[in-house]
Amino acid sequence: MIFMNDIGFWNFVRTEKMPNSRFLTQSDRFSFNELVRSSSLPSFTTNLAKKYLETESNRIEIPISDPEASVTYHLVCLKAFKKDFHTLFSIL
């Protein structure tokens, strides 16, 4: 599999959930994208990335339904700034 290096907490997928798999790890986003485009090796993506990046037409996406693959993010600010961020909070 093609795997992007330094992807934070997602690294546990490689180390804990797929310990016997072999990965071609990339640290450069351009090189990673070129490999995804030009090879038949599988790779990971996220629903957030799909909003901004086009899926290659010759690839299919298979959702991962494991509970570990679901993440909840929280946006936090000081109460004193709640009004300043009201628009942002309402959009999210």
PDB file of N, CA and C in Angstrom:
ATOM      1  N   MET A   1       0.829  -1.174   0.000  1.00  0.00           N
ATOM      2  CA  MET A   1       0.000   0.000   0.000  1.00  0.00           C
ATOM      3  C   MET A   1       0.878   1.244   0.000  1.00  0.00           C
ATOM      4  N   ILE A   2       0.366   2.286  -0.608  1.00  0.00           N
ATOM      5  CA  ILE A   2       1.047   3.583  -0.561  1.00  0.00           C
ATOM      6  C   ILE A   2       0.529   4.310   0.670  1.00  0.00           C
ATOM      7  N   PHE A   3       1.435   4.823   1.466  1.00  0.00           N
ATOM      8  CA  PHE A   3       1.059   5.422   2.739  1.00  0.00           C
ATOM      9  C   PHE A   3       1.794   6.736   2.922  1.00  0.00           C
ATOM     10  N   MET A   4       1.077   7.769   3.307  1.00  0.00           N
ATOM     11  CA  MET A   4       1.681   9.074   3.568  1.00  0.00           C
ATOM     12  C   MET A   4       2.304   9.061   4.957  1.00  0.00           C
ATOM     13  N   ASN A   5       3.562   9.435   5.062  1.00  0.00           N
ATOM     14  CA  ASN A   5       4.282   9.482   6.318  1.00  0.00           C
ATOM     15  C   ASN A   5       3.798  10.663   7.167  1.00  0.00           C
ATOM     16  N   ASP A   6       4.030  10.577   8.471  1.00  0.00           N
ATOM     17  CA  ASP A   6       3.699  11.681   9.391  1.00  0.00           C
ATOM     18  C   ASP A   6       2.244  12.117   9.280  1.00  0.00           C
ATOM     19  N   ILE A   7       1.331  11.163   9.406  1.00  0.00           N
ATOM     20  CA  ILE A   7      -0.088  11.506   9.341  1.00  0.00           C
ATOM     21  C   ILE A   7      -0.735  11.479  10.721  1.00  0.00           C
ATOM     22  N   GLY A   8       0.076  11.737  11.719  1.00  0.00           N
ATOM     23  CA  GLY A   8      -0.430  11.873  13.079  1.00  0.00           C
ATOM     24  C   GLY A   8      -0.971  10.579  13.647  1.00  0.00           C
ATOM     25  N   PHE A   9      -2.102  10.679  14.325  1.00  0.00           N
ATOM     26  CA  PHE A   9      -2.650   9.513  15.015  1.00  0.00           C
ATOM     27  C   PHE A   9      -3.098   8.415  14.064  1.00  0.00           C
ATOM     28  N   TRP A  10      -3.257   8.715  12.768  1.00  0.00           N
ATOM     29  CA  TRP A  10      -3.640   7.672  11.804  1.00  0.00           C
ATOM     30  C   TRP A  10      -2.530   6.647  11.612  1.00  0.00           C
ATOM     31  N   ASN A  11      -1.352   6.924  12.073  1.00  0.00           N
ATOM     32  CA  ASN A  11      -0.249   5.985  11.936  1.00  0.00           C
ATOM     33  C   ASN A  11      -0.547   4.650  12.622  1.00  0.00           C
ATOM     34  N   PHE A  12      -1.449   4.649  13.633  1.00  0.00           N
ATOM     35  CA  PHE A  12      -1.779   3.407  14.330  1.00  0.00           C
ATOM     36  C   PHE A  12      -2.410   2.387  13.381  1.00  0.00           C
ATOM     37  N   VAL A  13      -3.046   2.842  12.318  1.00  0.00           N
ATOM     38  CA  VAL A  13      -3.629   1.909  11.345  1.00  0.00           C
ATOM     39  C   VAL A  13      -2.529   1.012  10.796  1.00  0.00           C
ATOM     40  N   ARG A  14      -1.444   1.611  10.440  1.00  0.00           N
ATOM     41  CA  ARG A  14      -0.315   0.861   9.876  1.00  0.00           C
ATOM     42  C   ARG A  14       0.360  -0.018  10.923  1.00  0.00           C
ATOM     43  N   THR A  15       0.625   0.535  12.088  1.00  0.00           N
ATOM     44  CA  THR A  15       1.411  -0.193  13.085  1.00  0.00           C
ATOM     45  C   THR A  15       0.606  -1.213  13.888  1.00  0.00           C
ATOM     46  N   GLU A  16      -0.642  -0.885  14.220  1.00  0.00           N
ATOM     47  CA  GLU A  16      -1.426  -1.769  15.085  1.00  0.00           C
ATOM     48  C   GLU A  16      -2.441  -2.629  14.337  1.00  0.00           C
ATOM     49  N   LYS A  17      -3.082  -2.085  13.333  1.00  0.00           N
ATOM     50  CA  LYS A  17      -4.151  -2.801  12.637  1.00  0.00           C
ATOM     51  C   LYS A  17      -3.669  -3.585  11.427  1.00  0.00           C
ATOM     52  N   MET A  18      -2.506  -3.230  10.895  1.00  0.00           N
ATOM     53  CA  MET A  18      -1.997  -3.893   9.701  1.00  0.00           C
ATOM     54  C   MET A  18      -0.501  -4.215   9.865  1.00  0.00           C
ATOM     55  N   PRO A  19      -0.116  -4.870  10.955  1.00  0.00           N
ATOM     56  CA  PRO A  19       1.305  -5.066  11.235  1.00  0.00           C
ATOM     57  C   PRO A  19       2.043  -5.934  10.217  1.00  0.00           C
ATOM     58  N   ASN A  20       1.344  -6.786   9.511  1.00  0.00           N
ATOM     59  CA  ASN A  20       1.999  -7.677   8.550  1.00  0.00           C
ATOM     60  C   ASN A  20       1.924  -7.166   7.118  1.00  0.00           C
ATOM     61  N   SER A  21       1.384  -5.980   6.930  1.00  0.00           N
ATOM     62  CA  SER A  21       1.291  -5.397   5.590  1.00  0.00           C
ATOM     63  C   SER A  21       2.581  -4.674   5.239  1.00  0.00           C
ATOM     64  N   ARG A  22       2.798  -4.520   3.957  1.00  0.00           N
ATOM     65  CA  ARG A  22       3.987  -3.800   3.487  1.00  0.00           C
ATOM     66  C   ARG A  22       3.546  -2.471   2.902  1.00  0.00           C
ATOM     67  N   PHE A  23       4.250  -1.405   3.262  1.00  0.00           N
ATOM     68  CA  PHE A  23       3.875  -0.063   2.849  1.00  0.00           C
ATOM     69  C   PHE A  23       5.010   0.633   2.118  1.00  0.00           C
ATOM     70  N   LEU A  24       4.642   1.340   1.087  1.00  0.00           N
ATOM     71  CA  LEU A  24       5.559   2.244   0.405  1.00  0.00           C
ATOM     72  C   LEU A  24       5.231   3.614   0.986  1.00  0.00           C
ATOM     73  N   THR A  25       6.040   4.073   1.927  1.00  0.00           N
ATOM     74  CA  THR A  25       5.764   5.289   2.680  1.00  0.00           C
ATOM     75  C   THR A  25       6.391   6.498   2.001  1.00  0.00           C
ATOM     76  N   GLN A  26       5.589   7.546   1.853  1.00  0.00           N
ATOM     77  CA  GLN A  26       6.033   8.779   1.207  1.00  0.00           C
ATOM     78  C   GLN A  26       5.938   9.936   2.187  1.00  0.00           C
ATOM     79  N   SER A  27       6.894  10.856   2.117  1.00  0.00           N
ATOM     80  CA  SER A  27       6.854  12.042   2.975  1.00  0.00           C
ATOM     81  C   SER A  27       6.517  13.300   2.178  1.00  0.00           C
ATOM     82  N   ASP A  28       6.512  13.195   0.867  1.00  0.00           N
ATOM     83  CA  ASP A  28       6.225  14.336   0.004  1.00  0.00           C
ATOM     84  C   ASP A  28       4.853  14.141  -0.650  1.00  0.00           C
ATOM     85  N   ARG A  29       3.955  15.093  -0.462  1.00  0.00           N
ATOM     86  CA  ARG A  29       2.582  14.972  -0.971  1.00  0.00           C
ATOM     87  C   ARG A  29       2.547  14.838  -2.491  1.00  0.00           C
ATOM     88  N   PHE A  30       3.379  15.582  -3.199  1.00  0.00           N
ATOM     89  CA  PHE A  30       3.399  15.498  -4.657  1.00  0.00           C
ATOM     90  C   PHE A  30       3.796  14.094  -5.100  1.00  0.00           C
ATOM     91  N   SER A  31       4.855  13.536  -4.505  1.00  0.00           N
ATOM     92  CA  SER A  31       5.296  12.184  -4.848  1.00  0.00           C
ATOM     93  C   SER A  31       4.223  11.153  -4.517  1.00  0.00           C
ATOM     94  N   PHE A  32       3.588  11.322  -3.376  1.00  0.00           N
ATOM     95  CA  PHE A  32       2.501  10.420  -2.983  1.00  0.00           C
ATOM     96  C   PHE A  32       1.401  10.433  -4.042  1.00  0.00           C
ATOM     97  N   ASN A  33       0.954  11.624  -4.436  1.00  0.00           N
ATOM     98  CA  ASN A  33      -0.119  11.738  -5.430  1.00  0.00           C
ATOM     99  C   ASN A  33       0.286  11.147  -6.778  1.00  0.00           C
ATOM    100  N   GLU A  34       1.527  11.348  -7.170  1.00  0.00           N
ATOM    101  CA  GLU A  34       2.018  10.785  -8.439  1.00  0.00           C
ATOM    102  C   GLU A  34       2.002   9.258  -8.385  1.00  0.00           C
ATOM    103  N   LEU A  35       2.411   8.697  -7.269  1.00  0.00           N
ATOM    104  CA  LEU A  35       2.392   7.238  -7.123  1.00  0.00           C
ATOM    105  C   LEU A  35       0.968   6.695  -7.154  1.00  0.00           C
ATOM    106  N   VAL A  36       0.055   7.387  -6.491  1.00  0.00           N
ATOM    107  CA  VAL A  36      -1.342   6.961  -6.507  1.00  0.00           C
ATOM    108  C   VAL A  36      -1.874   6.974  -7.942  1.00  0.00           C
ATOM    109  N   ARG A  37      -1.550   8.026  -8.686  1.00  0.00           N
ATOM    110  CA  ARG A  37      -2.013   8.150 -10.075  1.00  0.00           C
ATOM    111  C   ARG A  37      -1.428   7.083 -11.002  1.00  0.00           C
ATOM    112  N   SER A  38      -0.180   6.738 -10.782  1.00  0.00           N
ATOM    113  CA  SER A  38       0.515   5.898 -11.757  1.00  0.00           C
ATOM    114  C   SER A  38       0.679   4.434 -11.357  1.00  0.00           C
ATOM    115  N   SER A  39       0.186   4.033 -10.193  1.00  0.00           N
ATOM    116  CA  SER A  39       0.352   2.641  -9.784  1.00  0.00           C
ATOM    117  C   SER A  39      -1.001   1.997  -9.499  1.00  0.00           C
ATOM    118  N   SER A  40      -0.966   0.710  -9.298  1.00  0.00           N
ATOM    119  CA  SER A  40      -2.182  -0.014  -8.944  1.00  0.00           C
ATOM    120  C   SER A  40      -2.232  -0.316  -7.445  1.00  0.00           C
ATOM    121  N   LEU A  41      -1.238   0.179  -6.701  1.00  0.00           N
ATOM    122  CA  LEU A  41      -1.223  -0.045  -5.259  1.00  0.00           C
ATOM    123  C   LEU A  41      -2.365   0.702  -4.582  1.00  0.00           C
ATOM    124  N   PRO A  42      -2.986   0.095  -3.574  1.00  0.00           N
ATOM    125  CA  PRO A  42      -4.046   0.803  -2.839  1.00  0.00           C
ATOM    126  C   PRO A  42      -3.454   1.900  -1.959  1.00  0.00           C
ATOM    127  N   SER A  43      -4.303   2.840  -1.564  1.00  0.00           N
ATOM    128  CA  SER A  43      -3.899   3.916  -0.659  1.00  0.00           C
ATOM    129  C   SER A  43      -5.111   4.320   0.173  1.00  0.00           C
ATOM    130  N   PHE A  44      -4.870   5.112   1.194  1.00  0.00           N
ATOM    131  CA  PHE A  44      -5.941   5.611   2.065  1.00  0.00           C
ATOM    132  C   PHE A  44      -6.309   7.037   1.681  1.00  0.00           C
ATOM    133  N   THR A  45      -7.556   7.384   1.936  1.00  0.00           N
ATOM    134  CA  THR A  45      -8.016   8.766   1.829  1.00  0.00           C
ATOM    135  C   THR A  45      -9.045   8.986   2.929  1.00  0.00           C
ATOM    136  N   THR A  46      -9.482  10.216   3.106  1.00  0.00           N
ATOM    137  CA  THR A  46     -10.503  10.519   4.107  1.00  0.00           C
ATOM    138  C   THR A  46     -11.651  11.265   3.453  1.00  0.00           C
ATOM    139  N   ASN A  47     -12.768  11.335   4.152  1.00  0.00           N
ATOM    140  CA  ASN A  47     -13.908  12.077   3.607  1.00  0.00           C
ATOM    141  C   ASN A  47     -13.570  13.566   3.497  1.00  0.00           C
ATOM    142  N   LEU A  48     -12.720  14.082   4.353  1.00  0.00           N
ATOM    143  CA  LEU A  48     -12.305  15.482   4.257  1.00  0.00           C
ATOM    144  C   LEU A  48     -11.459  15.706   3.005  1.00  0.00           C
ATOM    145  N   ALA A  49     -10.531  14.810   2.741  1.00  0.00           N
ATOM    146  CA  ALA A  49      -9.685  14.937   1.547  1.00  0.00           C
ATOM    147  C   ALA A  49     -10.526  14.882   0.277  1.00  0.00           C
ATOM    148  N   LYS A  50     -11.577  14.081   0.288  1.00  0.00           N
ATOM    149  CA  LYS A  50     -12.438  13.951  -0.891  1.00  0.00           C
ATOM    150  C   LYS A  50     -13.128  15.263  -1.244  1.00  0.00           C
ATOM    151  N   LYS A  51     -13.318  16.139  -0.254  1.00  0.00           N
ATOM    152  CA  LYS A  51     -13.941  17.440  -0.524  1.00  0.00           C
ATOM    153  C   LYS A  51     -13.035  18.331  -1.366  1.00  0.00           C
ATOM    154  N   TYR A  52     -11.725  18.144  -1.241  1.00  0.00           N
ATOM    155  CA  TYR A  52     -10.772  19.045  -1.879  1.00  0.00           C
ATOM    156  C   TYR A  52      -9.944  18.402  -2.991  1.00  0.00           C
ATOM    157  N   LEU A  53      -9.893  17.073  -3.012  1.00  0.00           N
ATOM    158  CA  LEU A  53      -9.089  16.373  -4.003  1.00  0.00           C
ATOM    159  C   LEU A  53      -9.975  15.474  -4.851  1.00  0.00           C
ATOM    160  N   GLU A  54      -9.690  15.432  -6.116  1.00  0.00           N
ATOM    161  CA  GLU A  54     -10.459  14.597  -7.019  1.00  0.00           C
ATOM    162  C   GLU A  54      -9.990  13.155  -6.925  1.00  0.00           C
ATOM    163  N   THR A  55     -10.928  12.217  -6.897  1.00  0.00           N
ATOM    164  CA  THR A  55     -10.577  10.808  -6.915  1.00  0.00           C
ATOM    165  C   THR A  55     -10.178  10.427  -8.328  1.00  0.00           C
ATOM    166  N   GLU A  56      -9.112   9.676  -8.449  1.00  0.00           N
ATOM    167  CA  GLU A  56      -8.667   9.226  -9.766  1.00  0.00           C
ATOM    168  C   GLU A  56      -9.762   8.376 -10.397  1.00  0.00           C
ATOM    169  N   SER A  57     -10.025   8.581 -11.682  1.00  0.00           N
ATOM    170  CA  SER A  57     -11.120   7.888 -12.363  1.00  0.00           C
ATOM    171  C   SER A  57     -10.906   6.380 -12.462  1.00  0.00           C
ATOM    172  N   ASN A  58      -9.664   5.930 -12.381  1.00  0.00           N
ATOM    173  CA  ASN A  58      -9.394   4.504 -12.488  1.00  0.00           C
ATOM    174  C   ASN A  58      -9.342   3.809 -11.121  1.00  0.00           C
ATOM    175  N   ARG A  59      -9.780   4.493 -10.074  1.00  0.00           N
ATOM    176  CA  ARG A  59      -9.757   3.938  -8.722  1.00  0.00           C
ATOM    177  C   ARG A  59     -11.166   3.878  -8.148  1.00  0.00           C
ATOM    178  N   ILE A  60     -11.373   2.918  -7.272  1.00  0.00           N
ATOM    179  CA  ILE A  60     -12.642   2.830  -6.555  1.00  0.00           C
ATOM    180  C   ILE A  60     -12.373   3.083  -5.078  1.00  0.00           C
ATOM    181  N   GLU A  61     -13.367   3.598  -4.388  1.00  0.00           N
ATOM    182  CA  GLU A  61     -13.239   3.853  -2.952  1.00  0.00           C
ATOM    183  C   GLU A  61     -14.038   2.799  -2.197  1.00  0.00           C
ATOM    184  N   ILE A  62     -13.411   2.224  -1.211  1.00  0.00           N
ATOM    185  CA  ILE A  62     -14.070   1.245  -0.356  1.00  0.00           C
ATOM    186  C   ILE A  62     -14.054   1.805   1.060  1.00  0.00           C
ATOM    187  N   PRO A  63     -15.221   2.184   1.584  1.00  0.00           N
ATOM    188  CA  PRO A  63     -15.262   2.772   2.937  1.00  0.00           C
ATOM    189  C   PRO A  63     -14.793   1.777   3.994  1.00  0.00           C
ATOM    190  N   ILE A  64     -14.117   2.295   4.990  1.00  0.00           N
ATOM    191  CA  ILE A  64     -13.678   1.490   6.134  1.00  0.00           C
ATOM    192  C   ILE A  64     -14.653   1.776   7.263  1.00  0.00           C
ATOM    193  N   SER A  65     -15.317   0.741   7.743  1.00  0.00           N
ATOM    194  CA  SER A  65     -16.366   0.940   8.748  1.00  0.00           C
ATOM    195  C   SER A  65     -15.928   0.610  10.166  1.00  0.00           C
ATOM    196  N   ASP A  66     -14.665   0.261  10.359  1.00  0.00           N
ATOM    197  CA  ASP A  66     -14.173  -0.045  11.699  1.00  0.00           C
ATOM    198  C   ASP A  66     -14.354   1.169  12.607  1.00  0.00           C
ATOM    199  N   PRO A  67     -14.726   0.961  13.862  1.00  0.00           N
ATOM    200  CA  PRO A  67     -14.891   2.096  14.788  1.00  0.00           C
ATOM    201  C   PRO A  67     -13.629   2.952  14.915  1.00  0.00           C
ATOM    202  N   GLU A  68     -12.465   2.332  14.791  1.00  0.00           N
ATOM    203  CA  GLU A  68     -11.208   3.072  14.909  1.00  0.00           C
ATOM    204  C   GLU A  68     -11.001   4.040  13.758  1.00  0.00           C
ATOM    205  N   ALA A  69     -11.734   3.859  12.673  1.00  0.00           N
ATOM    206  CA  ALA A  69     -11.572   4.720  11.494  1.00  0.00           C
ATOM    207  C   ALA A  69     -12.477   5.945  11.560  1.00  0.00           C
ATOM    208  N   SER A  70     -13.204   6.106  12.640  1.00  0.00           N
ATOM    209  CA  SER A  70     -14.102   7.244  12.807  1.00  0.00           C
ATOM    210  C   SER A  70     -13.531   8.185  13.864  1.00  0.00           C
ATOM    211  N   VAL A  71     -13.459   9.460  13.515  1.00  0.00           N
ATOM    212  CA  VAL A  71     -12.864  10.439  14.419  1.00  0.00           C
ATOM    213  C   VAL A  71     -13.814  11.623  14.584  1.00  0.00           C
ATOM    214  N   THR A  72     -13.928  12.101  15.800  1.00  0.00           N
ATOM    215  CA  THR A  72     -14.717  13.296  16.082  1.00  0.00           C
ATOM    216  C   THR A  72     -13.756  14.421  16.443  1.00  0.00           C
ATOM    217  N   TYR A  73     -13.913  15.547  15.779  1.00  0.00           N
ATOM    218  CA  TYR A  73     -13.079  16.714  16.066  1.00  0.00           C
ATOM    219  C   TYR A  73     -13.904  17.733  16.850  1.00  0.00           C
ATOM    220  N   HIS A  74     -13.236  18.484  17.696  1.00  0.00           N
ATOM    221  CA  HIS A  74     -13.880  19.529  18.488  1.00  0.00           C
ATOM    222  C   HIS A  74     -13.169  20.852  18.223  1.00  0.00           C
ATOM    223  N   LEU A  75     -13.952  21.880  18.045  1.00  0.00           N
ATOM    224  CA  LEU A  75     -13.408  23.223  17.886  1.00  0.00           C
ATOM    225  C   LEU A  75     -13.651  23.956  19.194  1.00  0.00           C
ATOM    226  N   VAL A  76     -12.607  24.518  19.772  1.00  0.00           N
ATOM    227  CA  VAL A  76     -12.682  25.120  21.100  1.00  0.00           C
ATOM    228  C   VAL A  76     -12.152  26.547  21.050  1.00  0.00           C
ATOM    229  N   CYS A  77     -12.830  27.431  21.793  1.00  0.00           N
ATOM    230  CA  CYS A  77     -12.322  28.792  21.954  1.00  0.00           C
ATOM    231  C   CYS A  77     -12.689  29.289  23.345  1.00  0.00           C
ATOM    232  N   LEU A  78     -12.062  30.354  23.760  1.00  0.00           N
ATOM    233  CA  LEU A  78     -12.386  30.956  25.051  1.00  0.00           C
ATOM    234  C   LEU A  78     -13.800  31.513  25.018  1.00  0.00           C
ATOM    235  N   LYS A  79     -14.521  31.405  26.124  1.00  0.00           N
ATOM    236  CA  LYS A  79     -15.885  31.926  26.195  1.00  0.00           C
ATOM    237  C   LYS A  79     -15.945  33.393  25.795  1.00  0.00           C
ATOM    238  N   ALA A  80     -14.906  34.129  26.139  1.00  0.00           N
ATOM    239  CA  ALA A  80     -14.874  35.560  25.834  1.00  0.00           C
ATOM    240  C   ALA A  80     -14.931  35.826  24.320  1.00  0.00           C
ATOM    241  N   PHE A  81     -14.557  34.846  23.513  1.00  0.00           N
ATOM    242  CA  PHE A  81     -14.536  35.018  22.059  1.00  0.00           C
ATOM    243  C   PHE A  81     -15.679  34.294  21.347  1.00  0.00           C
ATOM    244  N   LYS A  82     -16.638  33.794  22.123  1.00  0.00           N
ATOM    245  CA  LYS A  82     -17.745  33.023  21.543  1.00  0.00           C
ATOM    246  C   LYS A  82     -18.474  33.815  20.462  1.00  0.00           C
ATOM    247  N   LYS A  83     -18.751  35.082  20.708  1.00  0.00           N
ATOM    248  CA  LYS A  83     -19.450  35.912  19.715  1.00  0.00           C
ATOM    249  C   LYS A  83     -18.615  36.077  18.448  1.00  0.00           C
ATOM    250  N   ASP A  84     -17.312  36.200  18.608  1.00  0.00           N
ATOM    251  CA  ASP A  84     -16.431  36.378  17.450  1.00  0.00           C
ATOM    252  C   ASP A  84     -16.465  35.169  16.515  1.00  0.00           C
ATOM    253  N   PHE A  85     -16.684  33.991  17.083  1.00  0.00           N
ATOM    254  CA  PHE A  85     -16.651  32.761  16.294  1.00  0.00           C
ATOM    255  C   PHE A  85     -18.043  32.181  16.023  1.00  0.00           C
ATOM    256  N   HIS A  86     -19.093  32.914  16.367  1.00  0.00           N
ATOM    257  CA  HIS A  86     -20.456  32.422  16.209  1.00  0.00           C
ATOM    258  C   HIS A  86     -20.746  31.973  14.773  1.00  0.00           C
ATOM    259  N   THR A  87     -20.340  32.751  13.800  1.00  0.00           N
ATOM    260  CA  THR A  87     -20.597  32.395  12.397  1.00  0.00           C
ATOM    261  C   THR A  87     -19.905  31.084  12.040  1.00  0.00           C
ATOM    262  N   LEU A  88     -18.670  30.956  12.442  1.00  0.00           N
ATOM    263  CA  LEU A  88     -17.922  29.732  12.163  1.00  0.00           C
ATOM    264  C   LEU A  88     -18.587  28.536  12.829  1.00  0.00           C
ATOM    265  N   PHE A  89     -18.953  28.664  14.104  1.00  0.00           N
ATOM    266  CA  PHE A  89     -19.605  27.568  14.807  1.00  0.00           C
ATOM    267  C   PHE A  89     -20.912  27.161  14.148  1.00  0.00           C
ATOM    268  N   SER A  90     -21.674  28.118  13.675  1.00  0.00           N
ATOM    269  CA  SER A  90     -22.967  27.797  13.055  1.00  0.00           C
ATOM    270  C   SER A  90     -22.781  27.089  11.710  1.00  0.00           C
ATOM    271  N   ILE A  91     -21.707  27.392  11.008  1.00  0.00           N
ATOM    272  CA  ILE A  91     -21.430  26.714   9.726  1.00  0.00           C
ATOM    273  C   ILE A  91     -21.034  25.263   9.964  1.00  0.00           C
ATOM    274  N   LEU A  92     -20.254  25.037  11.010  1.00  0.00           N
ATOM    275  CA  LEU A  92     -19.781  23.692  11.289  1.00  0.00           C
ATOM    276  C   LEU A  92     -20.878  22.859  11.887  1.00  0.00           C
TER     277      LEU A  92
END
